[in-house]
Amino acid sequence: MSVQDWSDAVCSELGIEPDYDVDAILDAARDVAHGVERPAAPLTAFLIGYAAAMAGGSAADVDQALDQVTALASRWEA
């Protein structure tokens, strides 16, 4: 099973059809896991989704949250 298969199954289970870039989300989680701390990655993915939903939930809202978190992770000092 691929990540996309899992994502499709979760969306189906939750009854949602979000517009998102799975690779960008995984890249942000990777940046946080390596640049901050590994356990921060899943929490960060949740927070990105939460922020995007609060901003309106569009693909652009997701992209903006991803960009902000990626920039923060690159500035983060352990």
N, C-alpha and C. Protein backbone atom coordinates (compact mmCIF):
# COMPACT_ATOMS: atom_id res chain seq x y z
N MET A 1 0.85 -1.18 0.00
CA MET A 1 0.00 0.00 0.00
C MET A 1 0.90 1.24 0.00
N SER A 2 0.54 2.19 -0.82
CA SER A 2 1.32 3.42 -0.91
C SER A 2 0.75 4.48 0.03
N VAL A 3 1.51 5.55 0.20
CA VAL A 3 1.05 6.67 1.01
C VAL A 3 -0.24 7.24 0.40
N GLN A 4 -0.28 7.33 -0.92
CA GLN A 4 -1.48 7.86 -1.57
C GLN A 4 -2.68 6.95 -1.32
N ASP A 5 -2.47 5.63 -1.36
CA ASP A 5 -3.56 4.69 -1.06
C ASP A 5 -4.08 4.92 0.36
N TRP A 6 -3.15 5.08 1.30
CA TRP A 6 -3.54 5.32 2.69
C TRP A 6 -4.31 6.63 2.81
N SER A 7 -3.78 7.68 2.17
CA SER A 7 -4.43 8.98 2.20
C SER A 7 -5.84 8.90 1.62
N ASP A 8 -5.99 8.22 0.51
CA ASP A 8 -7.31 8.05 -0.10
C ASP A 8 -8.26 7.32 0.84
N ALA A 9 -7.76 6.28 1.50
CA ALA A 9 -8.60 5.51 2.43
C ALA A 9 -9.02 6.36 3.62
N VAL A 10 -8.10 7.15 4.16
CA VAL A 10 -8.42 8.02 5.30
C VAL A 10 -9.46 9.06 4.90
N CYS A 11 -9.27 9.67 3.74
CA CYS A 11 -10.24 10.67 3.27
C CYS A 11 -11.62 10.04 3.09
N SER A 12 -11.65 8.86 2.54
CA SER A 12 -12.93 8.16 2.37
C SER A 12 -13.57 7.87 3.72
N GLU A 13 -12.78 7.39 4.65
CA GLU A 13 -13.28 7.08 5.99
C GLU A 13 -13.84 8.31 6.69
N LEU A 14 -13.15 9.44 6.52
CA LEU A 14 -13.56 10.68 7.18
C LEU A 14 -14.61 11.46 6.39
N GLY A 15 -14.88 11.02 5.17
CA GLY A 15 -15.88 11.71 4.35
C GLY A 15 -15.43 13.08 3.88
N ILE A 16 -14.14 13.19 3.56
CA ILE A 16 -13.59 14.47 3.10
C ILE A 16 -12.94 14.31 1.74
N GLU A 17 -12.85 15.41 1.01
CA GLU A 17 -12.19 15.43 -0.29
C GLU A 17 -11.30 16.66 -0.38
N PRO A 18 -10.23 16.69 0.43
CA PRO A 18 -9.38 17.89 0.43
C PRO A 18 -8.55 18.01 -0.84
N ASP A 19 -8.19 19.23 -1.15
CA ASP A 19 -7.29 19.52 -2.25
C ASP A 19 -5.93 19.81 -1.63
N TYR A 20 -4.98 18.89 -1.79
CA TYR A 20 -3.69 19.03 -1.13
C TYR A 20 -2.60 18.36 -1.94
N ASP A 21 -1.37 18.71 -1.62
CA ASP A 21 -0.19 18.14 -2.26
C ASP A 21 0.49 17.24 -1.23
N VAL A 22 0.29 15.94 -1.37
CA VAL A 22 0.82 14.99 -0.37
C VAL A 22 2.34 15.10 -0.28
N ASP A 23 3.02 15.33 -1.39
CA ASP A 23 4.48 15.42 -1.35
C ASP A 23 4.94 16.64 -0.55
N ALA A 24 4.24 17.75 -0.68
CA ALA A 24 4.60 18.96 0.07
C ALA A 24 4.40 18.74 1.57
N ILE A 25 3.34 18.03 1.93
CA ILE A 25 3.08 17.73 3.34
C ILE A 25 4.17 16.82 3.89
N LEU A 26 4.52 15.79 3.13
CA LEU A 26 5.58 14.88 3.57
C LEU A 26 6.93 15.59 3.65
N ASP A 27 7.19 16.50 2.72
CA ASP A 27 8.45 17.26 2.76
C ASP A 27 8.51 18.13 4.02
N ALA A 28 7.41 18.78 4.35
CA ALA A 28 7.39 19.61 5.57
C ALA A 28 7.60 18.74 6.81
N ALA A 29 6.94 17.59 6.85
CA ALA A 29 7.11 16.69 7.99
C ALA A 29 8.57 16.22 8.09
N ARG A 30 9.18 15.93 6.95
CA ARG A 30 10.60 15.53 6.93
C ARG A 30 11.49 16.65 7.46
N ASP A 31 11.24 17.88 7.00
CA ASP A 31 12.05 19.01 7.44
C ASP A 31 11.94 19.20 8.95
N VAL A 32 10.74 19.06 9.47
CA VAL A 32 10.54 19.20 10.92
C VAL A 32 11.19 18.05 11.66
N ALA A 33 11.01 16.82 11.17
CA ALA A 33 11.60 15.65 11.84
C ALA A 33 13.12 15.77 11.92
N HIS A 34 13.74 16.27 10.86
CA HIS A 34 15.21 16.36 10.84
C HIS A 34 15.74 17.66 11.44
N GLY A 35 14.97 18.74 11.32
CA GLY A 35 15.46 20.04 11.77
C GLY A 35 15.02 20.42 13.16
N VAL A 36 13.99 19.78 13.67
CA VAL A 36 13.48 20.12 14.99
C VAL A 36 13.61 18.89 15.88
N GLU A 37 12.66 17.99 15.75
CA GLU A 37 12.68 16.74 16.50
C GLU A 37 11.67 15.81 15.86
N ARG A 38 12.02 14.55 15.76
CA ARG A 38 11.18 13.58 15.05
C ARG A 38 9.73 13.57 15.54
N PRO A 39 9.45 13.53 16.85
CA PRO A 39 8.05 13.51 17.29
C PRO A 39 7.26 14.77 16.93
N ALA A 40 7.96 15.83 16.56
CA ALA A 40 7.26 17.06 16.18
C ALA A 40 6.62 16.96 14.80
N ALA A 41 7.05 16.02 13.98
CA ALA A 41 6.55 15.93 12.60
C ALA A 41 5.05 15.64 12.52
N PRO A 42 4.52 14.60 13.19
CA PRO A 42 3.07 14.37 13.07
C PRO A 42 2.25 15.49 13.70
N LEU A 43 2.72 16.03 14.79
CA LEU A 43 2.02 17.15 15.41
C LEU A 43 1.99 18.34 14.46
N THR A 44 3.10 18.60 13.82
CA THR A 44 3.18 19.71 12.88
C THR A 44 2.24 19.51 11.70
N ALA A 45 2.16 18.28 11.18
CA ALA A 45 1.24 18.00 10.07
C ALA A 45 -0.20 18.30 10.50
N PHE A 46 -0.55 17.91 11.72
CA PHE A 46 -1.89 18.22 12.23
C PHE A 46 -2.09 19.73 12.31
N LEU A 47 -1.11 20.43 12.86
CA LEU A 47 -1.24 21.88 13.04
C LEU A 47 -1.32 22.61 11.70
N ILE A 48 -0.60 22.14 10.70
CA ILE A 48 -0.70 22.71 9.36
C ILE A 48 -2.13 22.57 8.84
N GLY A 49 -2.69 21.38 8.99
CA GLY A 49 -4.07 21.15 8.56
C GLY A 49 -5.05 22.00 9.33
N TYR A 50 -4.83 22.12 10.61
CA TYR A 50 -5.72 22.92 11.46
C TYR A 50 -5.66 24.39 11.04
N ALA A 51 -4.45 24.91 10.86
CA ALA A 51 -4.29 26.31 10.45
C ALA A 51 -4.94 26.55 9.09
N ALA A 52 -4.74 25.62 8.16
CA ALA A 52 -5.32 25.77 6.84
C ALA A 52 -6.85 25.74 6.92
N ALA A 53 -7.39 24.87 7.73
CA ALA A 53 -8.85 24.81 7.89
C ALA A 53 -9.39 26.10 8.49
N MET A 54 -8.71 26.63 9.48
CA MET A 54 -9.15 27.87 10.13
C MET A 54 -9.08 29.06 9.15
N ALA A 55 -8.15 28.98 8.19
CA ALA A 55 -7.99 30.06 7.21
C ALA A 55 -8.98 29.93 6.05
N GLY A 56 -9.70 28.83 5.98
CA GLY A 56 -10.68 28.65 4.91
C GLY A 56 -10.63 27.29 4.25
N GLY A 57 -9.51 26.61 4.37
CA GLY A 57 -9.41 25.24 3.90
C GLY A 57 -9.10 25.04 2.43
N SER A 58 -8.72 26.10 1.72
CA SER A 58 -8.40 25.94 0.31
C SER A 58 -6.98 25.37 0.14
N ALA A 59 -6.68 24.95 -1.08
CA ALA A 59 -5.33 24.48 -1.37
C ALA A 59 -4.31 25.59 -1.12
N ALA A 60 -4.69 26.82 -1.41
CA ALA A 60 -3.80 27.95 -1.16
C ALA A 60 -3.55 28.13 0.34
N ASP A 61 -4.57 27.88 1.16
CA ASP A 61 -4.40 27.97 2.61
C ASP A 61 -3.44 26.90 3.11
N VAL A 62 -3.54 25.70 2.55
CA VAL A 62 -2.60 24.62 2.91
C VAL A 62 -1.20 25.01 2.49
N ASP A 63 -1.05 25.50 1.25
CA ASP A 63 0.26 25.90 0.75
C ASP A 63 0.89 26.98 1.63
N GLN A 64 0.10 27.96 2.05
CA GLN A 64 0.62 29.03 2.89
C GLN A 64 1.10 28.48 4.23
N ALA A 65 0.32 27.62 4.84
CA ALA A 65 0.72 27.03 6.13
C ALA A 65 1.98 26.18 5.96
N LEU A 66 2.06 25.42 4.87
CA LEU A 66 3.25 24.62 4.60
C LEU A 66 4.48 25.51 4.44
N ASP A 67 4.33 26.59 3.68
CA ASP A 67 5.45 27.51 3.47
C ASP A 67 5.92 28.12 4.79
N GLN A 68 4.99 28.52 5.63
CA GLN A 68 5.34 29.13 6.91
C GLN A 68 6.09 28.14 7.80
N VAL A 69 5.60 26.91 7.86
CA VAL A 69 6.23 25.91 8.73
C VAL A 69 7.59 25.49 8.18
N THR A 70 7.70 25.37 6.86
CA THR A 70 8.99 25.01 6.27
C THR A 70 10.02 26.09 6.57
N ALA A 71 9.62 27.34 6.47
CA ALA A 71 10.53 28.44 6.79
C ALA A 71 10.91 28.42 8.27
N LEU A 72 9.95 28.18 9.14
CA LEU A 72 10.24 28.10 10.57
C LEU A 72 11.20 26.96 10.86
N ALA A 73 10.98 25.80 10.26
CA ALA A 73 11.86 24.65 10.50
C ALA A 73 13.28 24.94 10.04
N SER A 74 13.43 25.69 8.95
CA SER A 74 14.78 26.01 8.46
C SER A 74 15.50 26.99 9.37
N ARG A 75 14.73 27.79 10.11
CA ARG A 75 15.33 28.75 11.04
C ARG A 75 15.54 28.16 12.44
N TRP A 76 14.93 27.04 12.72
CA TRP A 76 14.92 26.46 14.06
C TRP A 76 16.31 26.03 14.49
N GLU A 77 16.64 26.35 15.72
CA GLU A 77 17.90 25.90 16.31
C GLU A 77 17.60 24.92 17.42
N ALA A 78 18.15 23.76 17.29
CA ALA A 78 17.89 22.70 18.29
C ALA A 78 18.41 23.10 19.66
